[in-house]
């Protein structure tokens, strides 16, 4: 069985739950219908773009004052802002004491004319002019052009440093085994005095009473051939 939907005369599905078919108490007219579920004819508020905004870069119309007035900015002499909020360059002698170059008053917008609601007052992009972003784009375009120019200069400089055969040496593939470590504070490289393939000095003579090898400093000040008859081996070691 179906019910009539109040004044609209539409039939309601009997399987519709009660919390959907019954209107809230603040808009209920005592009948069961789905009228409260549909959009009502409510005036759509104006968008932020349709509303006015505070004037930019304009001065108040009228005759300009040539004398300092009480309550004006002590720096530029204009009415509408204080010295703390003044955007002009701080003068050595303010307009309050010099009386020279009194600026025009600021334009004070009428809040009733703007008619800003709760959201528009707190919208960070309200009154934003998209043309202002073109200045930011031009700045980054110039930065990109300068980066490309410097990169091209570096490539030309690397081509000039190539050898006569036109073969560039890759420093990352060169043998750096002779360099043990580099100290960035002193700009000096600590070099190994022995190649890894060579036999270490302390392995030539395995006698316990031979020359002492200090493992901490990796030093053997005495000769390992002192108690050996290997003078020929010693000469070969020194010559190599």
Protein backbone atom coordinates (compact mmCIF):
# COMPACT_ATOMS: atom_id res chain seq x y z
CA UNK A 1 0.00 0.00 0.00
CA UNK A 2 1.25 3.47 -0.83
CA UNK A 3 0.58 6.80 0.86
CA UNK A 4 0.07 10.17 -0.71
CA UNK A 5 3.03 12.41 -0.19
CA UNK A 6 1.29 15.32 1.52
CA UNK A 7 0.24 18.28 -0.61
CA UNK A 8 2.34 17.15 -3.57
CA UNK A 9 0.07 14.15 -4.17
CA UNK A 10 2.98 11.85 -5.00
CA UNK A 11 2.84 8.25 -3.88
CA UNK A 12 5.39 7.20 -1.28
CA UNK A 13 7.02 3.81 -1.16
CA UNK A 14 5.90 2.04 2.04
CA UNK A 15 9.40 0.56 2.43
CA UNK A 16 10.98 3.99 2.95
CA UNK A 17 12.36 4.18 6.51
CA UNK A 18 10.71 6.49 8.99
CA UNK A 19 13.79 8.65 9.56
CA UNK A 20 13.72 9.52 5.84
CA UNK A 21 9.98 10.02 5.38
CA UNK A 22 9.41 12.11 8.52
CA UNK A 23 10.57 15.72 8.25
CA UNK A 24 12.63 17.30 11.06
CA UNK A 25 10.73 19.19 13.73
CA UNK A 26 11.92 22.63 12.60
CA UNK A 27 10.46 22.26 9.06
CA UNK A 28 7.72 19.69 9.67
CA UNK A 29 4.14 20.56 8.64
CA UNK A 30 2.56 17.45 10.21
CA UNK A 31 2.40 15.41 6.99
CA UNK A 32 4.51 12.56 5.67
CA UNK A 33 6.30 13.47 2.46
CA UNK A 34 9.69 13.65 0.81
CA UNK A 35 9.53 17.38 0.15
CA UNK A 36 12.13 18.05 2.84
CA UNK A 37 14.57 15.77 0.98
CA UNK A 38 14.48 17.90 -2.17
CA UNK A 39 16.34 21.13 -2.80
CA UNK A 40 14.32 24.19 -1.85
CA UNK A 41 14.25 27.48 -3.70
CA UNK A 42 17.00 29.22 -1.78
CA UNK A 43 18.77 32.29 -3.06
CA UNK A 44 22.25 31.28 -4.19
CA UNK A 45 24.86 33.59 -2.67
CA UNK A 46 27.20 35.48 -4.93
CA UNK A 47 30.57 34.00 -5.62
CA UNK A 48 33.71 35.66 -4.36
CA UNK A 49 34.57 36.82 -7.87
CA UNK A 50 31.29 38.75 -8.11
CA UNK A 51 31.98 40.70 -4.94
CA UNK A 52 34.04 43.83 -4.73
CA UNK A 53 37.40 44.01 -3.08
CA UNK A 54 39.51 46.66 -1.44
CA UNK A 55 40.98 49.15 -3.95
CA UNK A 56 44.62 48.61 -4.86
CA UNK A 57 47.14 51.37 -5.43
CA UNK A 58 44.61 54.22 -5.25
CA UNK A 59 44.60 57.38 -3.18
CA UNK A 60 41.62 59.16 -1.76
CA UNK A 61 40.04 61.69 -4.11
CA UNK A 62 39.93 65.32 -3.14
CA UNK A 63 42.31 68.14 -2.36
CA UNK A 64 45.71 67.09 -1.05
CA UNK A 65 46.74 68.43 2.32
CA UNK A 66 49.99 70.41 2.63
CA UNK A 67 50.00 70.51 6.42
CA UNK A 68 50.38 67.74 8.96
CA UNK A 69 47.12 66.76 10.64
CA UNK A 70 46.63 65.16 14.00
CA UNK A 71 46.22 61.37 13.76
CA UNK A 72 48.08 61.06 10.45
CA UNK A 73 51.18 58.97 9.81
CA UNK A 74 54.25 60.69 11.26
CA UNK A 75 56.41 59.33 8.43
CA UNK A 76 54.49 60.27 5.25
CA UNK A 77 51.67 62.43 6.65
CA UNK A 78 48.78 60.44 5.10
CA UNK A 79 45.58 59.60 6.96
CA UNK A 80 44.39 56.01 7.15
CA UNK A 81 47.38 54.19 8.64
CA UNK A 82 49.91 54.51 11.44
CA UNK A 83 53.67 54.89 11.30
CA UNK A 84 54.12 51.20 12.08
CA UNK A 85 52.04 50.19 9.03
CA UNK A 86 53.55 52.77 6.66
CA UNK A 87 54.91 51.20 3.46
CA UNK A 88 57.13 54.12 2.44
CA UNK A 89 60.83 54.39 3.12
CA UNK A 90 61.48 55.69 6.64
CA UNK A 91 62.45 59.32 6.37
CA UNK A 92 65.29 60.89 8.28
CA UNK A 93 62.90 63.67 9.36
CA UNK A 94 59.26 62.62 9.31
CA UNK A 95 56.45 64.62 7.76
CA UNK A 96 55.20 65.49 11.23
CA UNK A 97 58.28 67.63 11.92
CA UNK A 98 59.32 68.66 8.40
CA UNK A 99 55.89 69.31 6.86
CA UNK A 100 57.32 68.48 3.43
CA UNK A 101 55.92 66.05 0.83
CA UNK A 102 52.65 65.16 2.55
CA UNK A 103 51.19 62.09 0.85
CA UNK A 104 47.55 61.61 -0.13
CA UNK A 105 45.19 59.85 2.24
CA UNK A 106 44.46 56.14 1.95
CA UNK A 107 41.17 54.88 0.55
CA UNK A 108 39.07 53.31 3.29
CA UNK A 109 36.63 50.80 1.83
CA UNK A 110 33.07 50.65 3.08
CA UNK A 111 32.40 47.31 4.76
CA UNK A 112 28.69 47.53 3.91
CA UNK A 113 29.50 48.03 0.23
CA UNK A 114 31.82 45.02 0.20
CA UNK A 115 29.32 42.82 2.07
CA UNK A 116 31.86 40.10 2.82
CA UNK A 117 30.45 37.00 4.50
CA UNK A 118 32.22 34.64 6.89
CA UNK A 119 33.92 32.57 4.17
CA UNK A 120 35.00 35.47 1.97
CA UNK A 121 36.64 37.27 4.90
CA UNK A 122 38.81 34.22 5.58
CA UNK A 123 39.52 33.26 1.96
CA UNK A 124 43.23 33.80 1.28
CA UNK A 125 42.66 34.08 -2.49
CA UNK A 126 39.81 36.58 -2.27
CA UNK A 127 40.78 39.65 -4.28
CA UNK A 128 43.76 37.90 -5.87
CA UNK A 129 44.61 39.09 -9.37
CA UNK A 130 45.90 36.22 -11.56
CA UNK A 131 47.97 38.64 -13.66
CA UNK A 132 50.29 39.13 -10.66
CA UNK A 133 51.55 35.56 -11.10
CA UNK A 134 53.06 36.48 -14.48
CA UNK A 135 55.88 38.25 -12.63
CA UNK A 136 56.70 35.01 -10.80
CA UNK A 137 56.69 33.08 -14.09
CA UNK A 138 59.06 35.57 -15.70
CA UNK A 139 61.46 35.25 -12.76
CA UNK A 140 61.63 31.45 -13.06
CA UNK A 141 61.95 31.63 -16.86
CA UNK A 142 65.00 33.88 -16.53
CA UNK A 143 66.46 31.51 -13.93
CA UNK A 144 65.99 28.53 -16.26
CA UNK A 145 67.62 30.38 -19.17
CA UNK A 146 70.64 31.28 -17.01
CA UNK A 147 70.96 27.66 -15.86
CA UNK A 148 70.95 26.39 -19.46
CA UNK A 149 73.53 29.01 -20.47
CA UNK A 150 75.93 28.01 -17.68
CA UNK A 151 75.46 24.33 -18.46
CA UNK A 152 76.34 24.98 -22.13
CA UNK A 153 79.47 26.88 -21.07
CA UNK A 154 80.56 23.97 -18.85
CA UNK A 155 80.09 21.52 -21.74
CA UNK A 156 82.21 23.70 -24.02
CA UNK A 157 84.90 23.93 -21.34
CA UNK A 158 85.01 20.13 -20.98
CA UNK A 159 85.40 19.73 -24.75
CA UNK A 160 88.42 22.05 -24.72
CA UNK A 161 90.07 19.93 -22.01
CA UNK A 162 89.98 16.74 -24.13
CA UNK A 163 93.23 15.23 -25.34
CA UNK A 164 94.75 15.49 -28.79
CA UNK A 165 93.13 12.20 -29.80
CA UNK A 166 89.73 13.54 -28.82
CA UNK A 167 89.32 10.93 -26.07
CA UNK A 168 88.07 12.18 -22.74
CA UNK A 169 89.46 10.53 -19.63
CA UNK A 170 86.82 9.44 -17.14
CA UNK A 171 88.18 10.30 -13.71
CA UNK A 172 85.68 8.00 -12.00
CA UNK A 173 87.31 4.97 -13.69
CA UNK A 174 90.92 5.88 -12.94
CA UNK A 175 92.92 3.90 -10.41
CA UNK A 176 92.77 5.67 -7.06
CA UNK A 177 94.16 2.75 -5.06
CA UNK A 178 97.28 4.76 -4.23
CA UNK A 179 95.17 7.25 -2.28
CA UNK A 180 94.17 5.91 1.12
CA UNK A 181 92.04 8.80 2.39
CA UNK A 182 91.45 12.48 1.81
CA UNK A 183 91.15 14.94 4.68
CA UNK A 184 88.77 17.78 3.63
CA UNK A 185 90.02 20.03 6.43
CA UNK A 186 93.66 20.06 5.31
CA UNK A 187 93.16 19.35 1.58
CA UNK A 188 95.87 16.68 1.71
CA UNK A 189 95.69 13.08 0.53
CA UNK A 190 97.27 10.29 2.57
CA UNK A 191 98.87 7.90 0.08
CA UNK A 192 99.64 4.25 0.54
CA UNK A 193 103.29 3.34 0.06
CA UNK A 194 102.46 -0.23 -0.93
CA UNK A 195 100.25 -1.71 -3.63
CA UNK A 196 97.87 -4.40 -2.42
CA UNK A 197 99.39 -7.03 -4.73
CA UNK A 198 102.86 -6.64 -3.18
CA UNK A 199 103.97 -8.70 -0.20
CA UNK A 200 103.88 -6.71 3.04
CA UNK A 201 107.17 -5.95 4.73
CA UNK A 202 106.37 -7.90 7.92
CA UNK A 203 105.79 -11.15 5.97
CA UNK A 204 109.29 -11.41 4.50
CA UNK A 205 110.73 -12.65 7.80
CA UNK A 206 108.42 -14.71 10.02
CA UNK A 207 111.00 -15.13 12.78
CA UNK A 208 109.72 -14.11 16.21
CA UNK A 209 112.99 -12.33 17.04
CA UNK A 210 112.99 -10.33 13.82
CA UNK A 211 112.16 -6.64 13.47
CA UNK A 212 109.20 -5.41 15.47
CA UNK A 213 106.05 -4.42 13.58
CA UNK A 214 103.67 -1.99 15.26
CA UNK A 215 100.14 -2.88 14.06
CA UNK A 216 98.61 0.31 15.44
CA UNK A 217 100.78 2.72 13.47
CA UNK A 218 101.51 0.11 10.75
CA UNK A 219 105.20 0.91 10.96
CA UNK A 220 108.35 -1.29 10.96
CA UNK A 221 111.33 1.01 11.51
CA UNK A 222 113.92 -1.80 11.53
CA UNK A 223 114.83 -3.97 8.58
CA UNK A 224 113.23 -7.45 8.47
CA UNK A 225 116.46 -8.91 6.96
CA UNK A 226 118.71 -8.02 9.90
CA UNK A 227 119.15 -11.65 11.10
CA UNK A 228 118.94 -13.26 7.68
CA UNK A 229 121.43 -14.04 4.98
CA UNK A 230 119.11 -12.57 2.42
CA UNK A 231 121.17 -9.62 1.33
CA UNK A 232 120.23 -10.33 -2.27
CA UNK A 233 116.54 -10.36 -1.36
CA UNK A 234 117.01 -7.10 0.53
CA UNK A 235 118.63 -5.48 -2.48
CA UNK A 236 115.83 -6.67 -4.73
CA UNK A 237 113.26 -5.25 -2.32
CA UNK A 238 114.95 -1.86 -2.18
CA UNK A 239 115.41 -1.75 -5.94
CA UNK A 240 111.77 -2.65 -6.61
